[in-house]
N, C-alpha and C. Protein backbone atom coordinates (compact mmCIF):
# COMPACT_ATOMS: atom_id res chain seq x y z
N MET A 1 131.71 38.83 82.60
CA MET A 1 130.70 39.73 82.44
C MET A 1 131.08 41.21 82.78
N LEU A 2 130.50 42.02 81.81
CA LEU A 2 131.07 43.17 81.76
C LEU A 2 130.31 44.13 82.88
N SER A 3 130.90 44.67 83.56
CA SER A 3 130.21 45.75 84.74
C SER A 3 129.70 46.77 84.19
N PRO A 4 128.53 47.25 84.38
CA PRO A 4 128.06 48.43 83.90
C PRO A 4 128.74 49.64 84.29
N THR A 5 128.88 50.45 83.33
CA THR A 5 129.49 51.83 83.49
C THR A 5 128.59 52.78 84.20
N PRO A 6 129.13 53.61 85.04
CA PRO A 6 128.20 54.44 85.78
C PRO A 6 127.72 55.61 84.66
N SER A 7 126.63 55.97 84.68
CA SER A 7 126.12 56.99 83.91
C SER A 7 126.88 58.34 84.20
N LYS A 8 127.23 59.29 83.31
CA LYS A 8 127.64 60.52 83.42
C LYS A 8 126.34 61.57 83.93
N ARG A 9 126.41 62.07 84.96
CA ARG A 9 125.50 63.10 85.59
C ARG A 9 126.10 64.46 85.30
N PRO A 10 125.28 65.47 84.68
CA PRO A 10 125.62 66.92 84.76
C PRO A 10 125.88 67.49 85.83
N ARG A 11 126.99 68.11 86.07
CA ARG A 11 127.29 68.79 87.28
C ARG A 11 127.12 70.22 86.90
N ILE A 12 126.61 71.10 88.02
CA ILE A 12 126.44 72.40 87.59
C ILE A 12 127.56 73.29 88.24
N LEU A 13 127.87 74.02 87.71
CA LEU A 13 129.15 74.68 88.06
C LEU A 13 128.77 76.17 87.73
N PRO A 14 128.99 77.17 88.55
CA PRO A 14 128.70 78.66 88.27
C PRO A 14 129.89 79.13 87.43
N VAL A 15 129.39 79.84 86.49
CA VAL A 15 130.72 80.37 85.44
C VAL A 15 130.25 82.02 85.56
N LYS A 16 131.46 82.70 85.54
CA LYS A 16 131.27 84.08 85.58
C LYS A 16 130.94 84.62 84.06
N GLY A 17 130.10 85.53 84.04
CA GLY A 17 129.62 86.28 82.81
C GLY A 17 128.79 85.49 82.02
N LYS A 18 128.09 84.09 82.26
CA LYS A 18 127.36 83.21 81.68
C LYS A 18 125.96 83.69 82.29
N THR A 19 124.85 83.75 81.62
CA THR A 19 123.73 83.95 81.98
C THR A 19 122.69 82.57 81.87
N ALA A 20 122.00 82.31 82.93
CA ALA A 20 121.11 81.09 82.83
C ALA A 20 119.96 81.57 84.00
N SER A 21 119.17 80.73 84.02
CA SER A 21 118.04 80.73 85.06
C SER A 21 118.65 81.03 86.45
N PRO A 22 118.06 81.87 87.37
CA PRO A 22 118.65 81.76 88.88
C PRO A 22 118.04 80.57 89.67
N GLY A 23 119.00 80.34 90.43
CA GLY A 23 118.80 79.30 91.19
C GLY A 23 119.46 77.78 90.75
N THR A 24 120.08 78.09 89.55
CA THR A 24 120.61 76.80 88.95
C THR A 24 122.03 76.55 89.47
N ALA A 25 122.62 77.41 89.96
CA ALA A 25 124.12 77.40 90.32
C ALA A 25 124.00 76.93 91.60
N SER A 26 125.19 75.78 91.97
CA SER A 26 125.35 75.19 93.25
C SER A 26 125.72 76.36 94.29
N GLU A 27 125.03 76.35 95.26
CA GLU A 27 125.20 77.32 96.44
C GLU A 27 126.24 76.78 97.66
N SER A 28 126.90 77.68 98.24
CA SER A 28 127.56 77.49 99.59
C SER A 28 126.50 77.34 100.52
N PRO A 29 126.68 76.44 101.41
CA PRO A 29 125.73 76.59 102.72
C PRO A 29 125.90 77.86 103.41
N LEU A 30 126.80 78.61 103.38
CA LEU A 30 126.74 79.89 104.10
C LEU A 30 126.33 81.08 103.03
N TYR A 31 125.67 80.84 101.87
CA TYR A 31 125.44 81.85 100.95
C TYR A 31 124.10 82.64 101.43
N ALA A 32 123.19 81.80 101.95
CA ALA A 32 121.90 82.50 102.41
C ALA A 32 122.02 83.04 103.83
N LEU A 33 123.03 82.65 104.43
CA LEU A 33 123.58 83.62 105.84
C LEU A 33 124.29 84.85 105.40
N ARG A 34 124.94 84.79 104.10
CA ARG A 34 125.65 86.18 103.71
C ARG A 34 124.26 87.05 103.34
N VAL A 35 123.35 86.63 102.58
CA VAL A 35 122.28 87.44 102.08
C VAL A 35 121.51 87.82 103.13
N PHE A 36 121.14 87.10 104.31
CA PHE A 36 120.42 87.55 105.63
C PHE A 36 121.24 88.45 106.29
N ALA A 37 122.47 88.49 106.25
CA ALA A 37 123.39 89.49 107.00
C ALA A 37 123.16 90.89 106.37
N LEU A 38 123.10 90.68 104.87
CA LEU A 38 122.82 91.98 104.33
C LEU A 38 121.66 92.66 104.36
N ILE A 39 120.58 91.81 104.64
CA ILE A 39 119.13 92.30 104.82
C ILE A 39 119.26 92.95 106.24
N ILE A 40 119.81 92.23 107.26
CA ILE A 40 119.86 92.86 108.69
C ILE A 40 120.63 94.21 108.53
N LEU A 41 121.67 94.27 107.86
CA LEU A 41 122.37 95.43 107.89
C LEU A 41 121.71 96.39 107.17
N GLY A 42 121.15 96.19 106.00
CA GLY A 42 120.33 97.09 105.23
C GLY A 42 119.31 97.83 106.19
N VAL A 43 118.41 97.06 107.10
CA VAL A 43 117.44 97.44 107.85
C VAL A 43 117.84 98.34 108.92
N ILE A 44 118.98 97.96 109.43
CA ILE A 44 119.57 98.77 110.43
C ILE A 44 120.02 100.14 110.01
N ILE A 45 120.83 100.17 108.94
CA ILE A 45 121.20 101.36 108.24
C ILE A 45 119.93 102.07 108.13
N GLN A 46 118.70 101.55 107.36
CA GLN A 46 117.74 102.40 107.04
C GLN A 46 116.75 102.92 108.34
N THR A 47 117.14 102.33 109.68
CA THR A 47 116.40 102.88 110.81
C THR A 47 117.26 103.48 111.49
N THR A 48 118.30 103.67 111.46
CA THR A 48 119.40 104.56 112.24
C THR A 48 120.09 105.64 111.68
N VAL A 49 120.61 105.32 110.49
CA VAL A 49 121.26 106.33 109.87
C VAL A 49 120.66 107.15 108.80
N ALA A 50 119.99 106.45 107.85
CA ALA A 50 119.13 107.15 106.96
C ALA A 50 118.31 108.27 107.40
N PRO A 51 117.45 108.18 108.50
CA PRO A 51 116.58 109.24 109.04
C PRO A 51 117.53 110.51 109.11
N TYR A 52 118.78 110.51 109.25
CA TYR A 52 119.57 111.68 109.59
C TYR A 52 120.23 112.18 108.15
N LEU A 53 120.04 111.63 107.00
CA LEU A 53 120.50 111.81 105.82
C LEU A 53 119.38 112.49 104.85
N THR A 54 119.15 113.67 104.98
CA THR A 54 117.83 114.37 104.35
C THR A 54 118.12 115.07 103.12
N VAL A 55 117.79 115.20 102.15
CA VAL A 55 118.01 116.22 101.13
C VAL A 55 116.77 116.45 100.53
N LEU A 56 116.39 117.81 100.76
CA LEU A 56 115.15 118.43 100.35
C LEU A 56 113.89 117.90 101.14
N GLY A 57 114.28 117.36 102.27
CA GLY A 57 113.32 116.66 103.16
C GLY A 57 113.17 115.19 102.84
N ALA A 58 113.75 114.61 101.84
CA ALA A 58 113.45 113.13 101.49
C ALA A 58 114.90 112.52 102.05
N LYS A 59 114.50 111.08 102.42
CA LYS A 59 115.61 110.17 102.99
C LYS A 59 115.93 109.18 102.09
N PRO A 60 117.15 108.74 101.61
CA PRO A 60 117.40 107.53 100.97
C PRO A 60 116.66 106.28 101.48
N ASP A 61 116.16 105.77 100.31
CA ASP A 61 115.75 104.33 100.77
C ASP A 61 116.80 103.13 100.54
N SER A 62 117.69 103.02 101.44
CA SER A 62 118.92 102.18 101.38
C SER A 62 118.23 100.76 101.20
N THR A 63 117.13 100.26 101.88
CA THR A 63 116.68 98.95 101.79
C THR A 63 116.25 98.55 100.38
N LEU A 64 115.60 99.56 99.67
CA LEU A 64 115.12 99.27 98.40
C LEU A 64 116.26 99.26 97.35
N VAL A 65 117.45 100.04 97.69
CA VAL A 65 118.55 99.98 96.75
C VAL A 65 119.14 98.56 97.08
N LEU A 66 119.20 97.78 98.25
CA LEU A 66 119.87 96.74 98.61
C LEU A 66 118.94 95.43 97.90
N VAL A 67 117.80 95.64 98.04
CA VAL A 67 116.87 94.80 97.34
C VAL A 67 117.06 94.82 95.74
N ILE A 68 117.30 95.91 95.01
CA ILE A 68 117.47 95.80 93.84
C ILE A 68 118.73 95.28 93.38
N CYS A 69 119.76 95.74 94.21
CA CYS A 69 121.19 95.10 93.86
C CYS A 69 121.16 93.59 94.07
N ILE A 70 120.45 93.01 94.88
CA ILE A 70 120.56 91.46 95.00
C ILE A 70 119.78 90.85 93.89
N ALA A 71 118.76 91.70 93.57
CA ALA A 71 117.77 91.22 92.21
C ALA A 71 118.59 91.02 91.19
N LEU A 72 119.42 92.06 90.88
CA LEU A 72 120.24 92.22 89.72
C LEU A 72 121.30 91.14 89.52
N ILE A 73 121.78 90.52 90.89
CA ILE A 73 122.80 89.65 90.87
C ILE A 73 122.06 88.28 90.81
N ARG A 74 121.06 88.20 91.51
CA ARG A 74 120.43 86.77 91.49
C ARG A 74 119.35 86.57 90.95
N GLY A 75 118.54 87.44 90.24
CA GLY A 75 117.27 87.26 89.43
C GLY A 75 116.36 87.58 90.37
N PRO A 76 114.94 87.15 89.52
CA PRO A 76 113.65 87.64 90.12
C PRO A 76 113.25 86.87 91.49
N VAL A 77 113.69 85.71 91.40
CA VAL A 77 113.03 84.72 92.67
C VAL A 77 113.81 85.24 93.84
N TRP A 78 115.18 85.47 93.67
CA TRP A 78 115.95 86.13 94.86
C TRP A 78 115.33 87.18 95.41
N GLY A 79 115.25 88.06 94.11
CA GLY A 79 114.90 89.41 94.48
C GLY A 79 113.57 89.49 95.24
N ALA A 80 112.67 88.79 94.68
CA ALA A 80 111.15 88.78 95.37
C ALA A 80 111.32 88.25 96.97
N VAL A 81 112.12 87.12 97.04
CA VAL A 81 112.13 86.76 98.44
C VAL A 81 112.86 87.75 99.47
N VAL A 82 113.82 88.34 98.93
CA VAL A 82 114.70 89.30 99.78
C VAL A 82 114.04 90.53 99.86
N GLY A 83 113.31 90.97 98.81
CA GLY A 83 112.32 91.97 99.14
C GLY A 83 111.16 91.70 100.08
N PHE A 84 110.74 90.64 100.03
CA PHE A 84 109.46 90.45 100.92
C PHE A 84 110.00 90.42 102.51
N CYS A 85 111.35 89.74 102.74
CA CYS A 85 111.85 89.76 104.04
C CYS A 85 112.33 91.14 104.47
N THR A 86 112.97 91.77 103.62
CA THR A 86 113.37 92.95 103.97
C THR A 86 112.21 94.07 104.45
N GLY A 87 111.14 94.17 103.50
CA GLY A 87 110.03 94.93 103.72
C GLY A 87 109.37 94.28 105.11
N LEU A 88 109.32 93.32 105.43
CA LEU A 88 108.58 92.61 106.38
C LEU A 88 109.39 93.19 107.81
N LEU A 89 110.70 93.16 107.84
CA LEU A 89 111.52 93.46 109.03
C LEU A 89 111.47 95.10 108.98
N LEU A 90 111.37 95.88 107.92
CA LEU A 90 111.36 97.15 107.94
C LEU A 90 110.23 97.73 108.73
N ASP A 91 109.09 96.92 108.25
CA ASP A 91 107.87 97.24 108.77
C ASP A 91 107.71 97.12 110.45
N VAL A 92 108.47 95.86 110.80
CA VAL A 92 108.37 95.56 112.22
C VAL A 92 109.26 96.69 113.05
N ALA A 93 110.46 97.02 112.22
CA ALA A 93 111.36 97.86 113.01
C ALA A 93 110.90 99.27 113.36
N LEU A 94 110.18 99.75 112.21
CA LEU A 94 109.62 101.22 112.25
C LEU A 94 108.18 101.28 112.98
N MET A 95 107.55 100.16 113.14
CA MET A 95 106.28 99.88 113.64
C MET A 95 105.25 100.59 112.56
N GLN A 96 105.35 99.84 111.46
CA GLN A 96 104.56 100.79 110.35
C GLN A 96 103.41 99.81 109.95
N THR A 97 102.34 100.08 109.04
CA THR A 97 101.33 99.41 108.72
C THR A 97 101.99 98.13 108.05
N MET A 98 101.73 96.99 108.57
CA MET A 98 102.37 95.79 108.34
C MET A 98 101.95 95.23 106.72
N GLY A 99 102.90 94.90 106.09
CA GLY A 99 102.51 94.41 104.75
C GLY A 99 102.68 95.26 103.54
N ILE A 100 102.68 96.84 103.74
CA ILE A 100 102.94 97.48 102.71
C ILE A 100 104.14 97.56 101.97
N SER A 101 105.26 97.58 102.98
CA SER A 101 106.60 97.49 102.58
C SER A 101 106.91 96.03 101.93
N SER A 102 106.84 95.07 102.39
CA SER A 102 106.62 93.72 101.89
C SER A 102 106.23 93.58 100.72
N PHE A 103 105.02 93.85 100.28
CA PHE A 103 104.51 93.97 98.77
C PHE A 103 105.15 94.88 97.72
N LEU A 104 105.63 96.23 98.28
CA LEU A 104 106.23 96.95 97.34
C LEU A 104 107.73 96.23 97.05
N TYR A 105 108.29 95.99 98.19
CA TYR A 105 109.74 95.52 97.77
C TYR A 105 109.72 94.20 97.10
N THR A 106 108.72 93.32 97.42
CA THR A 106 108.61 92.04 96.56
C THR A 106 108.46 92.33 95.28
N LEU A 107 107.62 93.39 94.91
CA LEU A 107 107.29 93.73 93.58
C LEU A 107 108.41 94.33 92.89
N ALA A 108 109.20 95.39 93.56
CA ALA A 108 110.25 95.83 93.14
C ALA A 108 111.55 94.42 92.73
N GLY A 109 111.67 93.77 93.67
CA GLY A 109 112.61 92.79 93.78
C GLY A 109 112.48 92.05 92.50
N TYR A 110 111.12 91.59 92.25
CA TYR A 110 111.04 90.58 91.21
C TYR A 110 111.15 91.29 89.78
N THR A 111 110.60 92.69 89.78
CA THR A 111 110.75 93.30 88.67
C THR A 111 112.24 93.61 88.23
N GLY A 112 112.92 93.87 89.19
CA GLY A 112 114.48 94.45 89.19
C GLY A 112 115.21 93.02 88.54
N GLY A 113 114.79 92.05 88.89
CA GLY A 113 115.36 90.76 88.79
C GLY A 113 115.05 90.25 87.37
N ARG A 114 113.92 90.38 86.77
CA ARG A 114 113.31 90.12 85.58
C ARG A 114 114.12 91.10 84.61
N TYR A 115 114.21 92.14 84.95
CA TYR A 115 115.01 93.41 84.04
C TYR A 115 116.50 92.73 83.85
N ALA A 116 117.15 92.16 84.87
CA ALA A 116 118.73 92.05 84.96
C ALA A 116 118.95 90.99 83.86
N GLU A 117 117.78 89.93 83.44
CA GLU A 117 118.00 88.94 82.62
C GLU A 117 118.32 89.25 81.31
N GLY A 118 117.81 90.55 80.96
CA GLY A 118 118.26 91.09 79.60
C GLY A 118 119.21 92.00 79.30
N VAL A 119 119.74 92.46 80.37
CA VAL A 119 120.96 93.52 80.29
C VAL A 119 122.22 92.98 80.80
N ASP A 120 123.09 93.66 80.38
CA ASP A 120 124.58 93.58 80.84
C ASP A 120 124.70 94.34 82.10
N ILE A 121 124.80 93.48 83.28
CA ILE A 121 124.91 94.32 84.65
C ILE A 121 126.44 94.60 84.95
N GLU A 122 127.45 94.29 84.02
CA GLU A 122 128.75 94.86 84.38
C GLU A 122 128.77 95.95 84.31
N SER A 123 127.90 96.95 83.84
CA SER A 123 128.07 98.23 83.75
C SER A 123 127.41 99.15 84.99
N TRP A 124 127.63 100.26 85.39
CA TRP A 124 127.19 100.68 86.51
C TRP A 124 125.93 101.35 86.09
N ILE A 125 125.40 101.38 84.98
CA ILE A 125 123.98 102.22 84.63
C ILE A 125 122.96 101.43 84.93
N PRO A 126 122.81 100.00 84.54
CA PRO A 126 121.59 99.30 84.99
C PRO A 126 121.28 99.32 86.52
N PRO A 127 122.03 99.32 87.35
CA PRO A 127 121.68 99.46 88.72
C PRO A 127 121.10 101.01 89.15
N MET A 128 121.82 101.95 88.60
CA MET A 128 121.34 103.37 88.74
C MET A 128 119.81 103.47 88.11
N VAL A 129 119.83 103.10 86.96
CA VAL A 129 118.55 103.33 86.12
C VAL A 129 117.42 102.53 86.74
N THR A 130 117.66 101.30 87.17
CA THR A 130 116.71 100.21 87.87
C THR A 130 116.27 100.88 89.10
N VAL A 131 117.14 101.39 90.04
CA VAL A 131 116.79 101.84 91.29
C VAL A 131 116.10 103.25 91.13
N PHE A 132 116.35 103.84 90.24
CA PHE A 132 115.72 105.35 89.96
C PHE A 132 114.18 104.92 89.63
N ILE A 133 114.18 104.01 88.62
CA ILE A 133 112.71 103.96 88.24
C ILE A 133 111.94 103.24 89.44
N ALA A 134 112.60 102.26 90.01
CA ALA A 134 111.80 101.49 91.05
C ALA A 134 111.29 102.52 92.25
N SER A 135 112.61 103.24 92.61
CA SER A 135 112.18 104.25 93.84
C SER A 135 111.04 105.13 93.30
N ILE A 136 110.88 105.76 92.08
CA ILE A 136 109.78 106.37 91.82
C ILE A 136 108.33 105.71 91.84
N VAL A 137 108.52 104.42 91.30
CA VAL A 137 107.17 103.45 91.51
C VAL A 137 106.87 103.06 92.85
N VAL A 138 107.75 102.70 93.80
CA VAL A 138 107.50 102.15 95.00
C VAL A 138 106.86 103.47 95.74
N GLN A 139 107.63 104.59 95.76
CA GLN A 139 107.32 105.78 96.38
C GLN A 139 105.84 106.40 96.19
N PHE A 140 105.64 106.30 94.79
CA PHE A 140 104.32 106.65 93.97
C PHE A 140 103.17 105.84 94.64
N VAL A 141 103.38 104.54 94.82
CA VAL A 141 102.48 103.56 94.85
C VAL A 141 102.22 103.56 96.56
N HIS A 142 103.30 103.91 97.19
CA HIS A 142 103.19 104.00 98.81
C HIS A 142 102.25 105.05 98.96
N ALA A 143 102.54 106.40 98.22
CA ALA A 143 101.57 107.40 98.74
C ALA A 143 100.15 107.25 98.27
N VAL A 144 99.93 106.45 97.22
CA VAL A 144 98.66 106.20 96.72
C VAL A 144 98.04 105.35 97.96
N ILE A 145 98.65 104.38 98.45
CA ILE A 145 98.24 103.56 99.60
C ILE A 145 97.82 104.11 100.88
N MET A 146 98.97 105.07 101.11
CA MET A 146 98.64 106.10 102.32
C MET A 146 97.30 106.94 102.07
N PHE A 147 97.31 107.33 100.75
CA PHE A 147 95.84 108.20 100.50
C PHE A 147 94.62 107.35 100.57
N LEU A 148 94.92 105.99 100.34
CA LEU A 148 93.54 105.14 100.45
C LEU A 148 93.21 104.91 101.88
N LEU A 149 94.36 104.90 102.71
CA LEU A 149 94.24 104.60 104.00
C LEU A 149 93.73 105.75 104.94
N GLY A 150 93.60 107.01 104.37
CA GLY A 150 93.08 108.14 105.07
C GLY A 150 94.14 109.26 105.22
N ILE A 151 95.46 109.16 104.80
CA ILE A 151 96.46 110.02 104.99
C ILE A 151 96.62 110.94 103.75
N GLU A 152 95.98 112.06 103.98
CA GLU A 152 96.01 112.85 102.83
C GLU A 152 97.46 113.80 102.69
N ALA A 153 97.56 113.99 101.45
CA ALA A 153 98.69 114.93 101.18
C ALA A 153 98.99 115.64 99.64
N SER A 154 99.56 116.53 99.50
CA SER A 154 99.24 117.54 98.32
C SER A 154 100.05 116.41 97.31
N VAL A 155 99.74 116.45 96.06
CA VAL A 155 100.30 115.44 94.88
C VAL A 155 101.50 116.10 94.79
N SER A 156 101.56 117.41 94.33
CA SER A 156 102.92 118.04 94.13
C SER A 156 103.76 118.14 95.12
N PHE A 157 103.39 118.37 96.26
CA PHE A 157 104.26 118.09 97.48
C PHE A 157 104.98 116.60 97.39
N VAL A 158 104.03 115.60 97.58
CA VAL A 158 104.58 114.25 97.25
C VAL A 158 105.63 113.99 96.33
N LEU A 159 105.53 114.37 94.99
CA LEU A 159 106.22 114.13 93.89
C LEU A 159 107.56 114.82 94.15
N ILE A 160 107.44 116.23 94.44
CA ILE A 160 108.77 117.16 94.20
C ILE A 160 109.63 116.95 95.52
N ARG A 161 108.95 116.61 96.64
CA ARG A 161 109.51 116.72 98.13
C ARG A 161 110.00 115.36 98.49
N VAL A 162 109.22 114.45 98.01
CA VAL A 162 109.41 112.90 98.57
C VAL A 162 109.92 111.91 97.34
N VAL A 163 109.17 111.77 96.24
CA VAL A 163 109.36 110.77 95.18
C VAL A 163 110.62 111.06 94.37
N LEU A 164 110.77 112.29 93.88
CA LEU A 164 111.87 112.61 93.11
C LEU A 164 113.22 112.61 93.74
N PRO A 165 113.37 113.24 94.91
CA PRO A 165 114.61 113.36 95.83
C PRO A 165 115.06 112.01 96.20
N THR A 166 113.95 111.10 96.67
CA THR A 166 114.37 109.87 97.14
C THR A 166 114.69 108.81 95.93
N ALA A 167 114.42 109.05 94.80
CA ALA A 167 114.64 108.44 93.59
C ALA A 167 116.04 108.65 93.30
N VAL A 168 116.36 110.19 93.40
CA VAL A 168 117.83 110.69 92.84
C VAL A 168 119.04 110.07 94.06
N LEU A 169 118.43 110.24 95.12
CA LEU A 169 119.46 109.63 96.39
C LEU A 169 119.81 108.00 96.16
N GLY A 170 118.51 107.35 95.70
CA GLY A 170 118.79 105.96 95.49
C GLY A 170 119.61 105.65 94.29
N ALA A 171 119.26 106.42 93.23
CA ALA A 171 120.30 105.99 92.05
C ALA A 171 121.62 106.27 92.33
N LEU A 172 122.00 107.63 93.18
CA LEU A 172 123.22 107.65 93.58
C LEU A 172 123.96 106.62 94.54
N LEU A 173 123.25 106.20 95.32
CA LEU A 173 123.66 105.19 96.25
C LEU A 173 124.06 103.54 95.45
N ALA A 174 122.96 103.50 94.14
CA ALA A 174 123.10 102.29 93.56
C ALA A 174 124.50 101.59 93.11
N ALA A 175 125.09 102.63 92.47
CA ALA A 175 126.30 102.23 91.88
C ALA A 175 127.36 101.48 93.13
N PRO A 176 127.73 102.39 93.81
CA PRO A 176 128.56 101.85 95.08
C PRO A 176 128.07 100.57 95.78
N MET A 177 126.73 100.48 96.14
CA MET A 177 126.04 99.60 96.91
C MET A 177 126.12 98.32 95.99
N PHE A 178 125.99 98.59 94.81
CA PHE A 178 125.95 97.17 93.87
C PHE A 178 127.28 96.54 93.84
N ILE A 179 128.36 97.54 93.63
CA ILE A 179 129.73 96.90 93.67
C ILE A 179 129.91 96.18 95.15
N LEU A 180 129.52 96.78 96.13
CA LEU A 180 129.85 96.10 97.50
C LEU A 180 128.94 94.94 97.62
N THR A 181 127.93 94.94 97.13
CA THR A 181 126.99 93.66 97.11
C THR A 181 127.40 92.69 96.57
N ARG A 182 127.93 92.94 95.35
CA ARG A 182 128.37 91.81 94.33
C ARG A 182 129.64 91.15 94.85
N TRP A 183 130.55 92.08 95.59
CA TRP A 183 131.72 91.61 96.30
C TRP A 183 131.50 90.72 97.25
N TRP A 184 130.45 90.80 98.26
CA TRP A 184 130.18 90.38 99.14
C TRP A 184 129.55 88.96 98.98
N LEU A 185 128.66 88.80 97.87
CA LEU A 185 127.76 87.63 97.68
C LEU A 185 128.77 86.97 96.49
N GLY A 186 130.15 87.33 96.23
CA GLY A 186 130.92 86.52 95.31
C GLY A 186 130.71 86.76 94.08
N GLY A 187 130.30 87.81 93.27
CA GLY A 187 130.02 88.04 91.95
C GLY A 187 128.54 87.67 91.56
N ASP A 188 128.52 87.72 90.13
CA ASP A 188 127.10 87.62 89.54
C ASP A 188 126.82 86.09 89.70
N ARG A 189 125.81 85.71 90.23
CA ARG A 189 125.52 84.24 90.51
C ARG A 189 124.43 83.84 89.86
N ARG A 190 123.98 84.61 88.53
CA ARG A 190 122.73 84.29 87.91
C ARG A 190 123.20 82.94 86.95
N GLY A 191 124.36 83.04 86.55
CA GLY A 191 124.82 81.87 85.67
C GLY A 191 125.37 80.48 86.06
N ALA A 192 125.07 79.69 85.17
CA ALA A 192 125.55 78.32 85.63
C ALA A 192 125.88 77.54 84.29
N LEU A 193 126.57 76.60 84.25
CA LEU A 193 127.03 75.80 83.05
C LEU A 193 126.92 74.39 83.38
N PHE A 194 126.39 73.67 82.54
CA PHE A 194 126.17 72.12 82.65
C PHE A 194 127.39 71.41 82.17
N VAL A 195 128.30 70.74 83.04
CA VAL A 195 129.44 70.02 82.24
C VAL A 195 129.40 68.61 82.87
N GLU A 196 130.17 67.88 81.98
CA GLU A 196 130.11 66.50 82.35
C GLU A 196 131.31 66.13 83.34
N GLN A 197 130.96 65.17 84.43
CA GLN A 197 132.04 64.70 85.27
C GLN A 197 132.18 63.26 84.97
């Protein structure tokens, strides 16, 4: 009597340079801890160092840059989750109105991850462009929310002294932070390849 041969199961292996849906690559148990460490470090930098780095009255939004970098590396799902967690921790640390940063960072992370699915992120241009556009949108929507909550400010002041300088500072930080984030997380983890074992 012939013994049945075991069926071959597809095994998922991450492959550098291949693009697939996020979350399909096998993960190290410590990967989530690496991401969480980045989130904590980003919030610490944003609340301790960033307030002293002012250009034309604006401060760099290093946490938003970090969210976009992780979204470009991992895709929209990770971008949204990291954005939510980062925004929530930032609101708690700065004692701001709860939920605003979480909403804006979640939106930015998901959108940045979706954008990364169709571009080559090996270049330094996509992180800079994505962070610049995301900063403008996030800062503008934040100003609108503050206006609806009763905090009034001049539109020209917000655009010239807050939105544009913050977007430029974020874009300048994007390339080096993207390189460091990708190194810390082990490269582009969007891709996976099904192979037979």
